[in-house]
Amino acid sequence: MLRPLVAAMVTSDGSSFACGGIAYDLPLGRHFILTPSFAPGLYARGGGPDLGHVVEFRSQIAVDFRLPRGARIGLSFSHMSNAHLGATNPGVEALVLNYSKSLH
């Protein structure tokens, strides 16, 4: 199922990233879901790394376990880069433990 995606991240050194995009849920049996996603967004450096541009693109793959009442817990791996919009494009990767809850 294709669905909208909105996300925000803040690091301990004051960097932040907010994005919106799309995700696609692929059921893997009864309890697991594989979800690739793509979301462009805005990056504020704070005390973190210089990613080369304020506009960044996040590609992510997640594996979640379904919990009762529309909740999920899982792991995701993401890559963020500016797609060469800036003079430099170092990119950054993240491995994240996720918890999500459906709003409907």
PDB file of N, CA and C in Angstrom:
ATOM      1  N   MET A   1       0.840  -1.178   0.000  1.00  0.00           N
ATOM      2  CA  MET A   1       0.000   0.000   0.000  1.00  0.00           C
ATOM      3  C   MET A   1       0.886   1.242   0.000  1.00  0.00           C
ATOM      4  N   LEU A   2       0.700   2.119  -0.952  1.00  0.00           N
ATOM      5  CA  LEU A   2       1.400   3.396  -1.032  1.00  0.00           C
ATOM      6  C   LEU A   2       0.760   4.357  -0.045  1.00  0.00           C
ATOM      7  N   ARG A   3       1.596   5.068   0.728  1.00  0.00           N
ATOM      8  CA  ARG A   3       1.043   5.987   1.725  1.00  0.00           C
ATOM      9  C   ARG A   3       1.936   7.208   1.867  1.00  0.00           C
ATOM     10  N   PRO A   4       1.375   8.323   2.350  1.00  0.00           N
ATOM     11  CA  PRO A   4       2.190   9.511   2.585  1.00  0.00           C
ATOM     12  C   PRO A   4       3.090   9.309   3.805  1.00  0.00           C
ATOM     13  N   LEU A   5       4.163  10.058   3.838  1.00  0.00           N
ATOM     14  CA  LEU A   5       5.138   9.961   4.914  1.00  0.00           C
ATOM     15  C   LEU A   5       5.531  11.366   5.352  1.00  0.00           C
ATOM     16  N   VAL A   6       5.506  11.613   6.644  1.00  0.00           N
ATOM     17  CA  VAL A   6       6.006  12.855   7.236  1.00  0.00           C
ATOM     18  C   VAL A   6       6.917  12.452   8.374  1.00  0.00           C
ATOM     19  N   ALA A   7       8.119  13.052   8.415  1.00  0.00           N
ATOM     20  CA  ALA A   7       9.078  12.679   9.460  1.00  0.00           C
ATOM     21  C   ALA A   7       9.866  13.906   9.900  1.00  0.00           C
ATOM     22  N   ALA A   8      10.344  13.848  11.141  1.00  0.00           N
ATOM     23  CA  ALA A   8      11.226  14.880  11.686  1.00  0.00           C
ATOM     24  C   ALA A   8      12.254  14.194  12.567  1.00  0.00           C
ATOM     25  N   MET A   9      13.485  14.669  12.484  1.00  0.00           N
ATOM     26  CA  MET A   9      14.569  14.105  13.288  1.00  0.00           C
ATOM     27  C   MET A   9      15.373  15.244  13.894  1.00  0.00           C
ATOM     28  N   VAL A  10      15.819  15.038  15.130  1.00  0.00           N
ATOM     29  CA  VAL A  10      16.678  15.993  15.824  1.00  0.00           C
ATOM     30  C   VAL A  10      17.810  15.207  16.460  1.00  0.00           C
ATOM     31  N   THR A  11      19.036  15.711  16.344  1.00  0.00           N
ATOM     32  CA  THR A  11      20.185  15.024  16.935  1.00  0.00           C
ATOM     33  C   THR A  11      20.605  15.701  18.233  1.00  0.00           C
ATOM     34  N   SER A  12      21.445  15.022  18.991  1.00  0.00           N
ATOM     35  CA  SER A  12      21.915  15.571  20.261  1.00  0.00           C
ATOM     36  C   SER A  12      22.804  16.797  20.078  1.00  0.00           C
ATOM     37  N   ASP A  13      23.350  17.008  18.878  1.00  0.00           N
ATOM     38  CA  ASP A  13      24.179  18.194  18.642  1.00  0.00           C
ATOM     39  C   ASP A  13      23.408  19.342  17.986  1.00  0.00           C
ATOM     40  N   GLY A  14      22.094  19.224  17.920  1.00  0.00           N
ATOM     41  CA  GLY A  14      21.261  20.321  17.445  1.00  0.00           C
ATOM     42  C   GLY A  14      20.956  20.333  15.962  1.00  0.00           C
ATOM     43  N   SER A  15      21.348  19.322  15.220  1.00  0.00           N
ATOM     44  CA  SER A  15      20.970  19.233  13.807  1.00  0.00           C
ATOM     45  C   SER A  15      19.517  18.772  13.719  1.00  0.00           C
ATOM     46  N   SER A  16      18.837  19.163  12.644  1.00  0.00           N
ATOM     47  CA  SER A  16      17.456  18.712  12.470  1.00  0.00           C
ATOM     48  C   SER A  16      17.157  18.516  10.988  1.00  0.00           C
ATOM     49  N   PHE A  17      16.178  17.661  10.737  1.00  0.00           N
ATOM     50  CA  PHE A  17      15.746  17.357   9.372  1.00  0.00           C
ATOM     51  C   PHE A  17      14.253  17.094   9.421  1.00  0.00           C
ATOM     52  N   ALA A  18      13.503  17.758   8.561  1.00  0.00           N
ATOM     53  CA  ALA A  18      12.065  17.533   8.432  1.00  0.00           C
ATOM     54  C   ALA A  18      11.777  17.235   6.968  1.00  0.00           C
ATOM     55  N   CYS A  19      10.929  16.224   6.723  1.00  0.00           N
ATOM     56  CA  CYS A  19      10.699  15.818   5.339  1.00  0.00           C
ATOM     57  C   CYS A  19       9.280  15.300   5.138  1.00  0.00           C
ATOM     58  N   GLY A  20       8.902  15.212   3.886  1.00  0.00           N
ATOM     59  CA  GLY A  20       7.627  14.627   3.501  1.00  0.00           C
ATOM     60  C   GLY A  20       7.804  13.886   2.196  1.00  0.00           C
ATOM     61  N   GLY A  21       7.186  12.722   2.079  1.00  0.00           N
ATOM     62  CA  GLY A  21       7.359  11.938   0.867  1.00  0.00           C
ATOM     63  C   GLY A  21       6.382  10.788   0.804  1.00  0.00           C
ATOM     64  N   ILE A  22       6.853   9.656   0.258  1.00  0.00           N
ATOM     65  CA  ILE A  22       5.998   8.489   0.089  1.00  0.00           C
ATOM     66  C   ILE A  22       6.690   7.243   0.639  1.00  0.00           C
ATOM     67  N   ALA A  23       5.876   6.296   1.061  1.00  0.00           N
ATOM     68  CA  ALA A  23       6.352   4.998   1.539  1.00  0.00           C
ATOM     69  C   ALA A  23       5.449   3.930   0.936  1.00  0.00           C
ATOM     70  N   TYR A  24       5.999   2.724   0.801  1.00  0.00           N
ATOM     71  CA  TYR A  24       5.227   1.615   0.251  1.00  0.00           C
ATOM     72  C   TYR A  24       5.376   0.411   1.165  1.00  0.00           C
ATOM     73  N   ASP A  25       4.270  -0.038   1.738  1.00  0.00           N
ATOM     74  CA  ASP A  25       4.273  -1.195   2.635  1.00  0.00           C
ATOM     75  C   ASP A  25       4.142  -2.497   1.859  1.00  0.00           C
ATOM     76  N   LEU A  26       5.102  -3.396   2.086  1.00  0.00           N
ATOM     77  CA  LEU A  26       5.075  -4.725   1.478  1.00  0.00           C
ATOM     78  C   LEU A  26       4.970  -5.751   2.604  1.00  0.00           C
ATOM     79  N   PRO A  27       3.803  -6.378   2.791  1.00  0.00           N
ATOM     80  CA  PRO A  27       3.660  -7.372   3.858  1.00  0.00           C
ATOM     81  C   PRO A  27       4.580  -8.579   3.630  1.00  0.00           C
ATOM     82  N   LEU A  28       5.210  -9.026   4.691  1.00  0.00           N
ATOM     83  CA  LEU A  28       6.047 -10.236   4.684  1.00  0.00           C
ATOM     84  C   LEU A  28       5.431 -11.194   5.699  1.00  0.00           C
ATOM     85  N   GLY A  29       4.463 -11.933   5.273  1.00  0.00           N
ATOM     86  CA  GLY A  29       3.751 -12.796   6.207  1.00  0.00           C
ATOM     87  C   GLY A  29       2.732 -12.004   7.002  1.00  0.00           C
ATOM     88  N   ARG A  30       2.361 -12.545   8.152  1.00  0.00           N
ATOM     89  CA  ARG A  30       1.286 -11.956   8.954  1.00  0.00           C
ATOM     90  C   ARG A  30       1.736 -10.765   9.808  1.00  0.00           C
ATOM     91  N   HIS A  31       2.977 -10.782  10.298  1.00  0.00           N
ATOM     92  CA  HIS A  31       3.383  -9.770  11.273  1.00  0.00           C
ATOM     93  C   HIS A  31       4.459  -8.796  10.802  1.00  0.00           C
ATOM     94  N   PHE A  32       5.186  -9.107   9.735  1.00  0.00           N
ATOM     95  CA  PHE A  32       6.288  -8.245   9.318  1.00  0.00           C
ATOM     96  C   PHE A  32       5.932  -7.437   8.079  1.00  0.00           C
ATOM     97  N   ILE A  33       6.529  -6.243   7.990  1.00  0.00           N
ATOM     98  CA  ILE A  33       6.289  -5.340   6.866  1.00  0.00           C
ATOM     99  C   ILE A  33       7.639  -4.767   6.427  1.00  0.00           C
ATOM    100  N   LEU A  34       7.908  -4.818   5.130  1.00  0.00           N
ATOM    101  CA  LEU A  34       9.085  -4.191   4.539  1.00  0.00           C
ATOM    102  C   LEU A  34       8.614  -2.887   3.898  1.00  0.00           C
ATOM    103  N   THR A  35       9.269  -1.771   4.242  1.00  0.00           N
ATOM    104  CA  THR A  35       8.805  -0.475   3.753  1.00  0.00           C
ATOM    105  C   THR A  35       9.948   0.355   3.178  1.00  0.00           C
ATOM    106  N   PRO A  36      10.072   0.415   1.856  1.00  0.00           N
ATOM    107  CA  PRO A  36      10.979   1.389   1.258  1.00  0.00           C
ATOM    108  C   PRO A  36      10.276   2.754   1.211  1.00  0.00           C
ATOM    109  N   SER A  37      11.069   3.821   1.321  1.00  0.00           N
ATOM    110  CA  SER A  37      10.474   5.158   1.269  1.00  0.00           C
ATOM    111  C   SER A  37      11.460   6.163   0.693  1.00  0.00           C
ATOM    112  N   PHE A  38      10.912   7.280   0.238  1.00  0.00           N
ATOM    113  CA  PHE A  38      11.704   8.389  -0.288  1.00  0.00           C
ATOM    114  C   PHE A  38      11.047   9.682   0.153  1.00  0.00           C
ATOM    115  N   ALA A  39      11.881  10.630   0.646  1.00  0.00           N
ATOM    116  CA  ALA A  39      11.321  11.893   1.128  1.00  0.00           C
ATOM    117  C   ALA A  39      12.332  13.028   0.993  1.00  0.00           C
ATOM    118  N   PRO A  40      12.022  14.067   0.224  1.00  0.00           N
ATOM    119  CA  PRO A  40      12.843  15.272   0.233  1.00  0.00           C
ATOM    120  C   PRO A  40      12.519  16.102   1.479  1.00  0.00           C
ATOM    121  N   GLY A  41      13.499  16.864   1.942  1.00  0.00           N
ATOM    122  CA  GLY A  41      13.254  17.666   3.135  1.00  0.00           C
ATOM    123  C   GLY A  41      14.282  18.763   3.313  1.00  0.00           C
ATOM    124  N   LEU A  42      14.191  19.419   4.474  1.00  0.00           N
ATOM    125  CA  LEU A  42      15.067  20.532   4.803  1.00  0.00           C
ATOM    126  C   LEU A  42      15.941  20.167   5.991  1.00  0.00           C
ATOM    127  N   TYR A  43      17.239  20.485   5.888  1.00  0.00           N
ATOM    128  CA  TYR A  43      18.235  20.154   6.903  1.00  0.00           C
ATOM    129  C   TYR A  43      18.776  21.430   7.523  1.00  0.00           C
ATOM    130  N   ALA A  44      18.829  21.462   8.856  1.00  0.00           N
ATOM    131  CA  ALA A  44      19.464  22.553   9.597  1.00  0.00           C
ATOM    132  C   ALA A  44      20.682  21.970  10.303  1.00  0.00           C
ATOM    133  N   ARG A  45      21.857  22.484  10.023  1.00  0.00           N
ATOM    134  CA  ARG A  45      23.105  21.894  10.485  1.00  0.00           C
ATOM    135  C   ARG A  45      23.252  21.874  12.004  1.00  0.00           C
ATOM    136  N   GLY A  46      22.900  22.937  12.683  1.00  0.00           N
ATOM    137  CA  GLY A  46      23.165  22.988  14.125  1.00  0.00           C
ATOM    138  C   GLY A  46      24.645  22.753  14.353  1.00  0.00           C
ATOM    139  N   GLY A  47      24.996  21.856  15.288  1.00  0.00           N
ATOM    140  CA  GLY A  47      26.391  21.517  15.539  1.00  0.00           C
ATOM    141  C   GLY A  47      26.836  20.269  14.804  1.00  0.00           C
ATOM    142  N   GLY A  48      26.022  19.781  13.880  1.00  0.00           N
ATOM    143  CA  GLY A  48      26.316  18.537  13.170  1.00  0.00           C
ATOM    144  C   GLY A  48      27.117  18.742  11.910  1.00  0.00           C
ATOM    145  N   PRO A  49      27.209  17.691  11.091  1.00  0.00           N
ATOM    146  CA  PRO A  49      28.029  17.760   9.881  1.00  0.00           C
ATOM    147  C   PRO A  49      27.437  18.684   8.818  1.00  0.00           C
ATOM    148  N   ASP A  50      28.310  19.245   7.997  1.00  0.00           N
ATOM    149  CA  ASP A  50      27.901  20.044   6.847  1.00  0.00           C
ATOM    150  C   ASP A  50      27.546  19.072   5.730  1.00  0.00           C
ATOM    151  N   LEU A  51      26.268  18.976   5.403  1.00  0.00           N
ATOM    152  CA  LEU A  51      25.826  18.055   4.355  1.00  0.00           C
ATOM    153  C   LEU A  51      25.795  18.716   2.981  1.00  0.00           C
ATOM    154  N   GLY A  52      26.230  19.969   2.894  1.00  0.00           N
ATOM    155  CA  GLY A  52      26.419  20.603   1.599  1.00  0.00           C
ATOM    156  C   GLY A  52      25.259  21.420   1.070  1.00  0.00           C
ATOM    157  N   HIS A  53      24.071  21.279   1.657  1.00  0.00           N
ATOM    158  CA  HIS A  53      22.903  22.025   1.155  1.00  0.00           C
ATOM    159  C   HIS A  53      21.779  21.922   2.174  1.00  0.00           C
ATOM    160  N   VAL A  54      20.875  22.885   2.153  1.00  0.00           N
ATOM    161  CA  VAL A  54      19.720  22.842   3.052  1.00  0.00           C
ATOM    162  C   VAL A  54      18.690  21.809   2.584  1.00  0.00           C
ATOM    163  N   VAL A  55      18.632  21.545   1.273  1.00  0.00           N
ATOM    164  CA  VAL A  55      17.718  20.535   0.733  1.00  0.00           C
ATOM    165  C   VAL A  55      18.446  19.189   0.706  1.00  0.00           C
ATOM    166  N   GLU A  56      17.856  18.203   1.350  1.00  0.00           N
ATOM    167  CA  GLU A  56      18.418  16.852   1.400  1.00  0.00           C
ATOM    168  C   GLU A  56      17.324  15.859   1.023  1.00  0.00           C
ATOM    169  N   PHE A  57      17.738  14.700   0.545  1.00  0.00           N
ATOM    170  CA  PHE A  57      16.813  13.647   0.151  1.00  0.00           C
ATOM    171  C   PHE A  57      17.108  12.406   0.988  1.00  0.00           C
ATOM    172  N   ARG A  58      16.068  11.838   1.598  1.00  0.00           N
ATOM    173  CA  ARG A  58      16.249  10.639   2.417  1.00  0.00           C
ATOM    174  C   ARG A  58      15.626   9.433   1.721  1.00  0.00           C
ATOM    175  N   SER A  59      16.445   8.408   1.495  1.00  0.00           N
ATOM    176  CA  SER A  59      15.982   7.107   1.020  1.00  0.00           C
ATOM    177  C   SER A  59      16.101   6.159   2.201  1.00  0.00           C
ATOM    178  N   GLN A  60      15.082   5.338   2.413  1.00  0.00           N
ATOM    179  CA  GLN A  60      15.081   4.484   3.594  1.00  0.00           C
ATOM    180  C   GLN A  60      14.452   3.131   3.300  1.00  0.00           C
ATOM    181  N   ILE A  61      14.923   2.118   4.026  1.00  0.00           N
ATOM    182  CA  ILE A  61      14.292   0.797   4.010  1.00  0.00           C
ATOM    183  C   ILE A  61      14.058   0.417   5.473  1.00  0.00           C
ATOM    184  N   ALA A  62      12.866  -0.047   5.772  1.00  0.00           N
ATOM    185  CA  ALA A  62      12.515  -0.405   7.146  1.00  0.00           C
ATOM    186  C   ALA A  62      11.890  -1.789   7.183  1.00  0.00           C
ATOM    187  N   VAL A  63      12.130  -2.501   8.264  1.00  0.00           N
ATOM    188  CA  VAL A  63      11.453  -3.769   8.548  1.00  0.00           C
ATOM    189  C   VAL A  63      10.772  -3.599   9.898  1.00  0.00           C
ATOM    190  N   ASP A  64       9.460  -3.731   9.901  1.00  0.00           N
ATOM    191  CA  ASP A  64       8.662  -3.521  11.113  1.00  0.00           C
ATOM    192  C   ASP A  64       7.908  -4.781  11.511  1.00  0.00           C
ATOM    193  N   PHE A  65       7.608  -4.862  12.806  1.00  0.00           N
ATOM    194  CA  PHE A  65       6.758  -5.909  13.358  1.00  0.00           C
ATOM    195  C   PHE A  65       5.458  -5.247  13.778  1.00  0.00           C
ATOM    196  N   ARG A  66       4.333  -5.785  13.330  1.00  0.00           N
ATOM    197  CA  ARG A  66       3.025  -5.217  13.663  1.00  0.00           C
ATOM    198  C   ARG A  66       2.663  -5.512  15.114  1.00  0.00           C
ATOM    199  N   LEU A  67       2.228  -4.488  15.806  1.00  0.00           N
ATOM    200  CA  LEU A  67       1.728  -4.590  17.171  1.00  0.00           C
ATOM    201  C   LEU A  67       0.222  -4.343  17.151  1.00  0.00           C
ATOM    202  N   PRO A  68      -0.475  -4.617  18.247  1.00  0.00           N
ATOM    203  CA  PRO A  68      -1.918  -4.353  18.287  1.00  0.00           C
ATOM    204  C   PRO A  68      -2.257  -2.874  18.088  1.00  0.00           C
ATOM    205  N   ARG A  69      -3.457  -2.621  17.613  1.00  0.00           N
ATOM    206  CA  ARG A  69      -4.031  -1.285  17.451  1.00  0.00           C
ATOM    207  C   ARG A  69      -3.238  -0.361  16.518  1.00  0.00           C
ATOM    208  N   GLY A  70      -2.698  -0.916  15.440  1.00  0.00           N
ATOM    209  CA  GLY A  70      -2.055  -0.101  14.409  1.00  0.00           C
ATOM    210  C   GLY A  70      -0.649   0.365  14.732  1.00  0.00           C
ATOM    211  N   ALA A  71      -0.042  -0.126  15.790  1.00  0.00           N
ATOM    212  CA  ALA A  71       1.325   0.274  16.132  1.00  0.00           C
ATOM    213  C   ALA A  71       2.331  -0.664  15.467  1.00  0.00           C
ATOM    214  N   ARG A  72       3.568  -0.177  15.334  1.00  0.00           N
ATOM    215  CA  ARG A  72       4.662  -0.964  14.760  1.00  0.00           C
ATOM    216  C   ARG A  72       5.948  -0.665  15.521  1.00  0.00           C
ATOM    217  N   ILE A  73       6.844  -1.651  15.531  1.00  0.00           N
ATOM    218  CA  ILE A  73       8.197  -1.446  16.026  1.00  0.00           C
ATOM    219  C   ILE A  73       9.145  -2.110  15.031  1.00  0.00           C
ATOM    220  N   GLY A  74      10.288  -1.480  14.774  1.00  0.00           N
ATOM    221  CA  GLY A  74      11.196  -2.059  13.790  1.00  0.00           C
ATOM    222  C   GLY A  74      12.502  -1.322  13.670  1.00  0.00           C
ATOM    223  N   LEU A  75      13.276  -1.714  12.676  1.00  0.00           N
ATOM    224  CA  LEU A  75      14.561  -1.095  12.370  1.00  0.00           C
ATOM    225  C   LEU A  75      14.521  -0.501  10.969  1.00  0.00           C
ATOM    226  N   SER A  76      15.206   0.641  10.817  1.00  0.00           N
ATOM    227  CA  SER A  76      15.314   1.229   9.490  1.00  0.00           C
ATOM    228  C   SER A  76      16.755   1.648   9.228  1.00  0.00           C
ATOM    229  N   PHE A  77      17.126   1.613   7.955  1.00  0.00           N
ATOM    230  CA  PHE A  77      18.419   2.111   7.506  1.00  0.00           C
ATOM    231  C   PHE A  77      18.134   3.177   6.463  1.00  0.00           C
ATOM    232  N   SER A  78      18.733   4.358   6.650  1.00  0.00           N
ATOM    233  CA  SER A  78      18.473   5.441   5.702  1.00  0.00           C
ATOM    234  C   SER A  78      19.768   6.093   5.233  1.00  0.00           C
ATOM    235  N   HIS A  79      19.685   6.702   4.069  1.00  0.00           N
ATOM    236  CA  HIS A  79      20.775   7.490   3.500  1.00  0.00           C
ATOM    237  C   HIS A  79      20.208   8.850   3.140  1.00  0.00           C
ATOM    238  N   MET A  80      20.906   9.905   3.555  1.00  0.00           N
ATOM    239  CA  MET A  80      20.522  11.270   3.192  1.00  0.00           C
ATOM    240  C   MET A  80      21.651  11.904   2.405  1.00  0.00           C
ATOM    241  N   SER A  81      21.289  12.557   1.314  1.00  0.00           N
ATOM    242  CA  SER A  81      22.272  13.321   0.539  1.00  0.00           C
ATOM    243  C   SER A  81      21.545  14.433  -0.212  1.00  0.00           C
ATOM    244  N   ASN A  82      22.331  15.360  -0.753  1.00  0.00           N
ATOM    245  CA  ASN A  82      21.709  16.501  -1.444  1.00  0.00           C
ATOM    246  C   ASN A  82      21.643  16.312  -2.959  1.00  0.00           C
ATOM    247  N   ALA A  83      21.956  15.124  -3.455  1.00  0.00           N
ATOM    248  CA  ALA A  83      21.873  14.821  -4.890  1.00  0.00           C
ATOM    249  C   ALA A  83      22.688  15.808  -5.726  1.00  0.00           C
ATOM    250  N   HIS A  84      23.812  16.257  -5.180  1.00  0.00           N
ATOM    251  CA  HIS A  84      24.741  17.174  -5.846  1.00  0.00           C
ATOM    252  C   HIS A  84      24.139  18.551  -6.098  1.00  0.00           C
ATOM    253  N   LEU A  85      23.197  18.982  -5.246  1.00  0.00           N
ATOM    254  CA  LEU A  85      22.698  20.351  -5.323  1.00  0.00           C
ATOM    255  C   LEU A  85      23.735  21.337  -4.788  1.00  0.00           C
ATOM    256  N   GLY A  86      24.570  20.876  -3.850  1.00  0.00           N
ATOM    257  CA  GLY A  86      25.595  21.720  -3.263  1.00  0.00           C
ATOM    258  C   GLY A  86      26.965  21.421  -3.845  1.00  0.00           C
ATOM    259  N   ALA A  87      27.952  22.229  -3.445  1.00  0.00           N
ATOM    260  CA  ALA A  87      29.336  22.043  -3.908  1.00  0.00           C
ATOM    261  C   ALA A  87      29.908  20.731  -3.382  1.00  0.00           C
ATOM    262  N   THR A  88      29.459  20.299  -2.204  1.00  0.00           N
ATOM    263  CA  THR A  88      29.860  19.004  -1.647  1.00  0.00           C
ATOM    264  C   THR A  88      28.608  18.176  -1.388  1.00  0.00           C
ATOM    265  N   ASN A  89      28.786  16.853  -1.359  1.00  0.00           N
ATOM    266  CA  ASN A  89      27.662  15.950  -1.143  1.00  0.00           C
ATOM    267  C   ASN A  89      28.137  14.748  -0.324  1.00  0.00           C
ATOM    268  N   PRO A  90      28.463  14.980   0.971  1.00  0.00           N
ATOM    269  CA  PRO A  90      29.032  13.884   1.754  1.00  0.00           C
ATOM    270  C   PRO A  90      28.026  12.795   2.121  1.00  0.00           C
ATOM    271  N   GLY A  91      26.775  13.135   2.269  1.00  0.00           N
ATOM    272  CA  GLY A  91      25.765  12.160   2.672  1.00  0.00           C
ATOM    273  C   GLY A  91      25.968  11.693   4.106  1.00  0.00           C
ATOM    274  N   VAL A  92      24.960  11.032   4.618  1.00  0.00           N
ATOM    275  CA  VAL A  92      25.003  10.491   5.972  1.00  0.00           C
ATOM    276  C   VAL A  92      24.066   9.285   6.031  1.00  0.00           C
ATOM    277  N   GLU A  93      24.469   8.270   6.790  1.00  0.00           N
ATOM    278  CA  GLU A  93      23.639   7.077   6.960  1.00  0.00           C
ATOM    279  C   GLU A  93      23.189   6.980   8.411  1.00  0.00           C
ATOM    280  N   ALA A  94      22.041   6.348   8.617  1.00  0.00           N
ATOM    281  CA  ALA A  94      21.519   6.170   9.979  1.00  0.00           C
ATOM    282  C   ALA A  94      20.840   4.817  10.104  1.00  0.00           C
ATOM    283  N   LEU A  95      21.069   4.171  11.227  1.00  0.00           N
ATOM    284  CA  LEU A  95      20.364   2.954  11.607  1.00  0.00           C
ATOM    285  C   LEU A  95      19.521   3.334  12.813  1.00  0.00           C
ATOM    286  N   VAL A  96      18.199   3.156  12.717  1.00  0.00           N
ATOM    287  CA  VAL A  96      17.288   3.700  13.718  1.00  0.00           C
ATOM    288  C   VAL A  96      16.292   2.647  14.187  1.00  0.00           C
ATOM    289  N   LEU A  97      16.039   2.628  15.493  1.00  0.00           N
ATOM    290  CA  LEU A  97      14.952   1.838  16.073  1.00  0.00           C
ATOM    291  C   LEU A  97      13.704   2.704  15.993  1.00  0.00           C
ATOM    292  N   ASN A  98      12.646   2.197  15.345  1.00  0.00           N
ATOM    293  CA  ASN A  98      11.419   2.959  15.120  1.00  0.00           C
ATOM    294  C   ASN A  98      10.246   2.415  15.920  1.00  0.00           C
ATOM    295  N   TYR A  99       9.382   3.348  16.325  1.00  0.00           N
ATOM    296  CA  TYR A  99       8.062   3.001  16.852  1.00  0.00           C
ATOM    297  C   TYR A  99       7.087   3.935  16.161  1.00  0.00           C
ATOM    298  N   SER A 100       6.030   3.408  15.600  1.00  0.00           N
ATOM    299  CA  SER A 100       5.039   4.253  14.941  1.00  0.00           C
ATOM    300  C   SER A 100       3.636   3.800  15.329  1.00  0.00           C
ATOM    301  N   LYS A 101       2.715   4.752  15.243  1.00  0.00           N
ATOM    302  CA  LYS A 101       1.302   4.494  15.581  1.00  0.00           C
ATOM    303  C   LYS A 101       0.451   5.170  14.530  1.00  0.00           C
ATOM    304  N   SER A 102      -0.489   4.438  13.963  1.00  0.00           N
ATOM    305  CA  SER A 102      -1.397   4.988  12.968  1.00  0.00           C
ATOM    306  C   SER A 102      -2.303   6.027  13.604  1.00  0.00           C
ATOM    307  N   LEU A 103      -2.588   7.105  12.857  1.00  0.00           N
ATOM    308  CA  LEU A 103      -3.463   8.166  13.364  1.00  0.00           C
ATOM    309  C   LEU A 103      -4.943   7.903  13.077  1.00  0.00           C
ATOM    310  N   HIS A 104      -5.237   6.856  12.344  1.00  0.00           N
ATOM    311  CA  HIS A 104      -6.653   6.577  12.043  1.00  0.00           C
ATOM    312  C   HIS A 104      -7.098   5.278  12.619  1.00  0.00           C
TER     313      HIS A 104
END
